[in-house]
């Protein structure tokens, strides 16, 4: 079972409602970083997101007012939660509100797929498989790096494509809680080594449409780059489907490298990559199994998030 440890405060939840932190239960390599953004990150936020104290306060107040006027939309209106939507929309309240509506509509459309989402509910896929992973270190730009092994490491009988999407959704909820990640963004590394026909067929029209709609329209995170590596010939089947759903913005951030890690290093410094990808760090010796205890600590955040969205009407 998940431990009831809470390492970070859930937006909108008072301190008195959280358990006392028990940091010794979590390997610090796998902790969520909930500290305020650093001085360097503040400069990035101001340059790239128009984030100043004055503008942030004004935008937060405007978005809060807009949200309270929405009788069919419910989200926590704490400063922390509103920043989740304002940062990827560069502090334009109207754009942030549109993002909130898209998130709500996506959740409503896929409510059955996401029902009872939690680390514990998805424990088997997280602990017994090595499909998704997050590097313990950030890259040279301070971005989180998600590694998805959808080649030989993906047993489609044990982790169906629907389950794989649940894992993506679960991980993005954790990333959203990190202020540094909100500003600096995330990078996705898709490793297709050993991709077979069974895995290619699992990434069908339904899976591709759902995943790319989520990434491009309903994910309140800054997706900076997507890197595809070690893709074999059969990848053409996947690529043909994916391309039909990729918009211009994502297309400009999507890069295919094959086994040419030198090309990958033009985007991610090898000093910040494991040896698995030609980097100078040790080979990866951890997986989502090691992240599982940390994901358990945000259960209250996940449950709260799943209650946000469109208000049901009789």
Protein backbone atom coordinates (compact mmCIF):
# COMPACT_ATOMS: atom_id res chain seq x y z
CA UNK A 1 0.00 0.00 0.00
CA UNK A 2 0.95 3.61 -0.40
CA UNK A 3 2.38 5.29 2.65
CA UNK A 4 0.48 8.32 3.90
CA UNK A 5 3.56 10.51 3.87
CA UNK A 6 3.07 14.01 2.44
CA UNK A 7 6.19 15.82 1.24
CA UNK A 8 4.47 18.80 -0.29
CA UNK A 9 1.43 20.88 0.39
CA UNK A 10 -1.46 20.36 -1.98
CA UNK A 11 -2.59 23.67 -3.49
CA UNK A 12 -5.54 24.99 -1.51
CA UNK A 13 -4.98 22.58 1.39
CA UNK A 14 -4.10 24.00 4.79
CA UNK A 15 -0.92 22.95 6.51
CA UNK A 16 -2.85 21.46 9.41
CA UNK A 17 -4.43 18.86 7.14
CA UNK A 18 -1.15 17.32 5.98
CA UNK A 19 0.82 14.60 7.72
CA UNK A 20 4.21 15.39 9.15
CA UNK A 21 6.90 14.88 6.51
CA UNK A 22 8.82 11.60 6.87
CA UNK A 23 11.68 12.26 4.48
CA UNK A 24 13.62 9.19 5.57
CA UNK A 25 11.02 7.05 3.80
CA UNK A 26 11.82 8.60 0.42
CA UNK A 27 15.14 8.36 -1.39
CA UNK A 28 15.96 12.02 -1.97
CA UNK A 29 16.90 11.34 -5.57
CA UNK A 30 13.21 10.69 -6.19
CA UNK A 31 11.66 13.56 -4.28
CA UNK A 32 9.43 16.22 -5.77
CA UNK A 33 10.98 19.67 -5.60
CA UNK A 34 8.36 21.96 -4.12
CA UNK A 35 10.68 24.81 -3.12
CA UNK A 36 10.05 28.32 -4.53
CA UNK A 37 11.79 29.03 -7.82
CA UNK A 38 15.45 30.07 -7.67
CA UNK A 39 16.81 33.50 -8.59
CA UNK A 40 17.96 32.17 -11.98
CA UNK A 41 14.55 30.68 -12.63
CA UNK A 42 12.91 33.99 -11.75
CA UNK A 43 14.89 35.60 -14.55
CA UNK A 44 13.72 32.90 -16.98
CA UNK A 45 10.14 33.35 -15.80
CA UNK A 46 10.33 37.09 -16.37
CA UNK A 47 11.99 36.74 -19.78
CA UNK A 48 9.93 33.87 -21.16
CA UNK A 49 6.66 34.05 -19.23
CA UNK A 50 6.35 37.79 -18.50
CA UNK A 51 6.33 36.84 -14.80
CA UNK A 52 6.91 39.72 -12.40
CA UNK A 53 5.39 40.03 -8.95
CA UNK A 54 3.11 42.81 -10.09
CA UNK A 55 1.95 41.08 -13.27
CA UNK A 56 1.56 37.74 -11.50
CA UNK A 57 -0.58 39.21 -8.74
CA UNK A 58 -2.76 41.03 -11.24
CA UNK A 59 -3.19 37.96 -13.45
CA UNK A 60 -3.94 35.70 -10.48
CA UNK A 61 -6.62 38.07 -9.23
CA UNK A 62 -8.15 38.40 -12.70
CA UNK A 63 -8.17 34.66 -13.28
CA UNK A 64 -9.65 34.03 -9.83
CA UNK A 65 -12.48 36.46 -10.60
CA UNK A 66 -13.08 34.82 -13.97
CA UNK A 67 -13.12 31.36 -12.41
CA UNK A 68 -15.64 32.37 -9.73
CA UNK A 69 -17.91 33.68 -12.48
CA UNK A 70 -17.84 30.28 -14.20
CA UNK A 71 -20.83 28.41 -12.84
CA UNK A 72 -20.06 25.27 -14.84
CA UNK A 73 -16.35 25.07 -14.04
CA UNK A 74 -14.68 24.20 -10.75
CA UNK A 75 -11.00 24.40 -9.81
CA UNK A 76 -9.24 25.31 -6.61
CA UNK A 77 -8.56 29.04 -6.83
CA UNK A 78 -5.48 29.24 -4.64
CA UNK A 79 -2.50 31.21 -5.95
CA UNK A 80 -0.55 27.96 -6.39
CA UNK A 81 -3.21 26.33 -8.54
CA UNK A 82 -3.84 29.39 -10.68
CA UNK A 83 -0.10 29.68 -11.40
CA UNK A 84 -0.23 26.15 -12.83
CA UNK A 85 -2.41 27.54 -15.63
CA UNK A 86 -0.93 31.01 -15.89
CA UNK A 87 2.69 29.98 -16.38
CA UNK A 88 2.22 27.95 -19.57
CA UNK A 89 -0.03 30.72 -20.94
CA UNK A 90 2.45 33.50 -20.11
CA UNK A 91 0.20 35.15 -17.56
CA UNK A 92 -2.62 35.97 -19.93
CA UNK A 93 -5.76 35.27 -17.83
CA UNK A 94 -8.00 34.70 -20.86
CA UNK A 95 -5.61 32.09 -22.24
CA UNK A 96 -5.30 30.47 -18.82
CA UNK A 97 -9.08 30.23 -18.56
CA UNK A 98 -9.25 28.58 -21.99
CA UNK A 99 -6.63 26.08 -20.86
CA UNK A 100 -8.67 25.31 -17.75
CA UNK A 101 -11.72 24.66 -19.92
CA UNK A 102 -9.75 22.35 -22.23
CA UNK A 103 -8.39 20.43 -19.25
CA UNK A 104 -11.92 20.07 -17.87
CA UNK A 105 -13.35 18.95 -21.22
CA UNK A 106 -10.57 16.40 -21.69
CA UNK A 107 -11.13 14.95 -18.22
CA UNK A 108 -14.86 14.75 -18.82
CA UNK A 109 -14.43 13.02 -22.18
CA UNK A 110 -12.02 10.44 -20.73
CA UNK A 111 -13.52 10.10 -17.26
CA UNK A 112 -13.89 6.32 -17.52
CA UNK A 113 -10.29 5.88 -18.58
CA UNK A 114 -9.02 8.07 -15.71
CA UNK A 115 -11.41 6.78 -13.05
CA UNK A 116 -9.79 5.95 -9.68
CA UNK A 117 -6.43 7.26 -10.88
CA UNK A 118 -3.79 6.92 -8.17
CA UNK A 119 -0.32 5.53 -7.64
CA UNK A 120 -1.79 2.63 -5.70
CA UNK A 121 -4.41 1.82 -8.35
CA UNK A 122 -1.70 1.80 -11.01
CA UNK A 123 0.96 0.20 -8.84
CA UNK A 124 1.40 -2.94 -10.92
CA UNK A 125 2.16 -0.99 -14.10
CA UNK A 126 4.55 1.30 -12.21
CA UNK A 127 6.39 -1.26 -10.11
CA UNK A 128 6.50 -4.34 -12.32
CA UNK A 129 7.30 -2.69 -15.64
CA UNK A 130 9.94 -0.32 -16.99
CA UNK A 131 7.95 1.59 -19.54
CA UNK A 132 8.07 5.07 -18.03
CA UNK A 133 10.84 6.72 -16.03
CA UNK A 134 11.97 10.19 -15.02
CA UNK A 135 15.67 11.04 -14.88
CA UNK A 136 16.71 11.86 -11.32
CA UNK A 137 18.71 14.82 -12.60
CA UNK A 138 17.48 17.75 -14.68
CA UNK A 139 19.12 18.65 -17.97
CA UNK A 140 21.45 21.61 -18.50
CA UNK A 141 18.45 23.93 -18.80
CA UNK A 142 16.93 22.71 -15.56
CA UNK A 143 14.15 20.77 -17.30
CA UNK A 144 12.66 17.49 -16.14
CA UNK A 145 13.28 14.61 -18.57
CA UNK A 146 10.67 11.89 -18.99
CA UNK A 147 11.92 8.69 -20.62
CA UNK A 148 9.35 6.41 -22.25
CA UNK A 149 10.52 2.94 -23.30
CA UNK A 150 7.94 1.83 -25.84
CA UNK A 151 10.05 -0.74 -27.61
CA UNK A 152 11.17 -4.07 -26.22
CA UNK A 153 10.57 -2.99 -22.61
CA UNK A 154 6.86 -2.55 -23.23
CA UNK A 155 4.83 -5.73 -22.74
CA UNK A 156 1.50 -4.72 -24.27
CA UNK A 157 -0.24 -7.63 -22.57
CA UNK A 158 0.78 -6.39 -19.12
CA UNK A 159 0.51 -2.65 -19.79
CA UNK A 160 -2.18 -1.88 -22.33
CA UNK A 161 -2.12 1.42 -24.16
CA UNK A 162 -4.92 2.75 -21.92
CA UNK A 163 -2.82 1.97 -18.87
CA UNK A 164 0.20 3.62 -20.46
CA UNK A 165 -1.80 6.80 -20.88
CA UNK A 166 -2.86 6.68 -17.22
CA UNK A 167 0.83 6.60 -16.27
CA UNK A 168 1.53 9.66 -18.43
CA UNK A 169 -1.37 11.47 -16.80
CA UNK A 170 -0.24 10.49 -13.31
CA UNK A 171 3.32 11.70 -13.90
CA UNK A 172 2.19 15.02 -15.33
CA UNK A 173 0.19 15.65 -12.14
CA UNK A 174 3.39 15.22 -10.13
CA UNK A 175 5.42 17.47 -12.45
CA UNK A 176 2.78 20.19 -12.21
CA UNK A 177 3.50 20.51 -8.49
CA UNK A 178 7.12 21.56 -8.99
CA UNK A 179 7.52 25.34 -9.38
CA UNK A 180 10.88 24.91 -11.15
CA UNK A 181 9.27 22.54 -13.65
CA UNK A 182 6.34 24.90 -14.19
CA UNK A 183 8.80 27.54 -15.38
CA UNK A 184 11.59 25.54 -17.02
CA UNK A 185 9.39 22.91 -18.59
CA UNK A 186 9.76 19.25 -19.50
CA UNK A 187 11.50 17.20 -22.18
CA UNK A 188 10.25 13.81 -23.37
CA UNK A 189 12.60 11.12 -24.65
CA UNK A 190 10.80 8.37 -26.57
CA UNK A 191 12.98 5.26 -26.87
CA UNK A 192 11.70 2.83 -29.50
CA UNK A 193 14.54 0.31 -29.27
CA UNK A 194 13.27 -3.15 -30.21
CA UNK A 195 9.86 -1.90 -31.32
CA UNK A 196 7.78 -4.80 -32.66
CA UNK A 197 4.56 -4.97 -34.64
CA UNK A 198 2.54 -5.73 -31.50
CA UNK A 199 3.72 -2.52 -29.87
CA UNK A 200 3.26 -0.53 -33.07
CA UNK A 201 -0.34 -1.74 -33.38
CA UNK A 202 -0.98 -0.82 -29.74
CA UNK A 203 -0.26 2.81 -30.64
CA UNK A 204 -3.30 2.92 -32.84
CA UNK A 205 -5.48 5.81 -33.98
CA UNK A 206 -7.35 6.02 -30.67
CA UNK A 207 -4.19 6.04 -28.55
CA UNK A 208 -2.40 8.54 -30.78
CA UNK A 209 -5.35 10.91 -30.97
CA UNK A 210 -5.89 10.84 -27.21
CA UNK A 211 -2.22 11.30 -26.34
CA UNK A 212 -1.59 14.14 -28.75
CA UNK A 213 -4.82 15.95 -27.85
CA UNK A 214 -3.72 15.79 -24.22
CA UNK A 215 -0.18 16.98 -24.92
CA UNK A 216 -1.16 19.79 -27.27
CA UNK A 217 -4.38 21.05 -25.68
CA UNK A 218 -4.97 19.80 -22.15
CA UNK A 219 -1.60 19.56 -20.40
CA UNK A 220 -0.77 22.59 -18.20
CA UNK A 221 2.98 22.12 -18.56
CA UNK A 222 5.59 23.64 -20.85
CA UNK A 223 6.60 20.85 -23.22
CA UNK A 224 9.91 22.10 -24.59
CA UNK A 225 11.14 19.18 -26.71
CA UNK A 226 10.28 15.61 -27.73
CA UNK A 227 13.16 13.40 -28.83
CA UNK A 228 12.66 10.09 -30.62
CA UNK A 229 15.59 7.68 -30.49
CA UNK A 230 16.47 4.18 -31.70
CA UNK A 231 13.39 3.86 -33.89
CA UNK A 232 13.51 0.78 -36.19
CA UNK A 233 11.91 0.43 -39.61
CA UNK A 234 8.53 -0.62 -38.18
CA UNK A 235 8.33 2.81 -36.56
CA UNK A 236 7.02 4.09 -39.89
CA UNK A 237 3.65 2.63 -38.94
CA UNK A 238 3.58 4.67 -35.72
CA UNK A 239 4.96 7.79 -37.32
CA UNK A 240 2.35 7.73 -40.06
CA UNK A 241 -0.44 7.84 -37.48
CA UNK A 242 1.24 10.34 -35.15
CA UNK A 243 1.99 12.85 -37.89
CA UNK A 244 -1.67 13.32 -38.70
CA UNK A 245 -2.32 14.68 -35.19
CA UNK A 246 0.80 16.80 -34.65
CA UNK A 247 0.23 20.54 -34.85
CA UNK A 248 2.78 23.06 -36.09
CA UNK A 249 3.94 24.06 -32.62
CA UNK A 250 4.71 20.50 -31.53
CA UNK A 251 6.18 19.61 -34.92
CA UNK A 252 8.85 22.29 -34.41
CA UNK A 253 9.79 20.73 -31.07
CA UNK A 254 9.81 17.10 -32.20
CA UNK A 255 13.15 15.61 -33.26
CA UNK A 256 14.05 12.16 -34.57
CA UNK A 257 17.61 10.95 -34.01
CA UNK A 258 17.68 7.20 -34.61
CA UNK A 259 20.82 5.92 -32.87
CA UNK A 260 22.72 9.14 -33.50
CA UNK A 261 23.12 10.31 -29.93
CA UNK A 262 25.44 13.09 -31.06
CA UNK A 263 22.41 14.72 -32.63
CA UNK A 264 20.53 14.28 -29.35
CA UNK A 265 23.45 15.92 -27.53
CA UNK A 266 22.90 19.09 -29.52
CA UNK A 267 19.76 19.51 -27.43
CA UNK A 268 20.63 17.75 -24.16
CA UNK A 269 24.20 18.04 -22.92
CA UNK A 270 25.76 14.56 -22.47
CA UNK A 271 26.92 15.69 -19.02
CA UNK A 272 23.26 15.47 -18.03
CA UNK A 273 22.43 12.20 -19.77
CA UNK A 274 23.00 8.59 -18.64
CA UNK A 275 25.34 6.30 -20.58
CA UNK A 276 22.25 4.66 -22.09
CA UNK A 277 22.07 7.69 -24.39
CA UNK A 278 25.75 8.40 -24.86
CA UNK A 279 25.95 10.55 -21.77
CA UNK A 280 28.63 10.76 -19.11
CA UNK A 281 26.36 9.79 -16.21
CA UNK A 282 26.09 6.14 -15.11
CA UNK A 283 23.61 3.87 -16.84
CA UNK A 284 20.07 4.12 -15.51
CA UNK A 285 19.68 1.79 -12.53
CA UNK A 286 16.23 2.98 -11.44
CA UNK A 287 12.71 2.95 -12.84
CA UNK A 288 9.16 4.03 -12.04
CA UNK A 289 9.33 1.47 -9.22
CA UNK A 290 11.71 3.84 -7.43
CA UNK A 291 9.40 6.80 -8.09
CA UNK A 292 6.37 4.92 -6.78
CA UNK A 293 6.73 5.92 -3.07
CA UNK A 294 6.94 9.56 -4.09
CA UNK A 295 3.84 9.31 -6.27
CA UNK A 296 2.06 7.80 -3.29
CA UNK A 297 2.65 11.01 -1.34
CA UNK A 298 0.51 13.08 -3.70
CA UNK A 299 -2.64 10.98 -3.49
CA UNK A 300 -4.65 13.84 -1.99
CA UNK A 301 -3.52 16.12 -4.84
CA UNK A 302 -4.53 13.51 -7.43
CA UNK A 303 -7.94 12.96 -5.84
CA UNK A 304 -8.55 16.70 -5.65
CA UNK A 305 -7.50 17.16 -9.28
CA UNK A 306 -9.88 14.45 -10.46
CA UNK A 307 -12.74 16.35 -8.81
CA UNK A 308 -11.90 19.56 -10.66
CA UNK A 309 -13.39 20.38 -14.03
CA UNK A 310 -16.87 20.69 -15.44
CA UNK A 311 -19.62 20.84 -12.84
CA UNK A 312 -22.22 18.16 -13.34
CA UNK A 313 -25.72 19.50 -13.90
CA UNK A 314 -28.96 17.62 -13.33
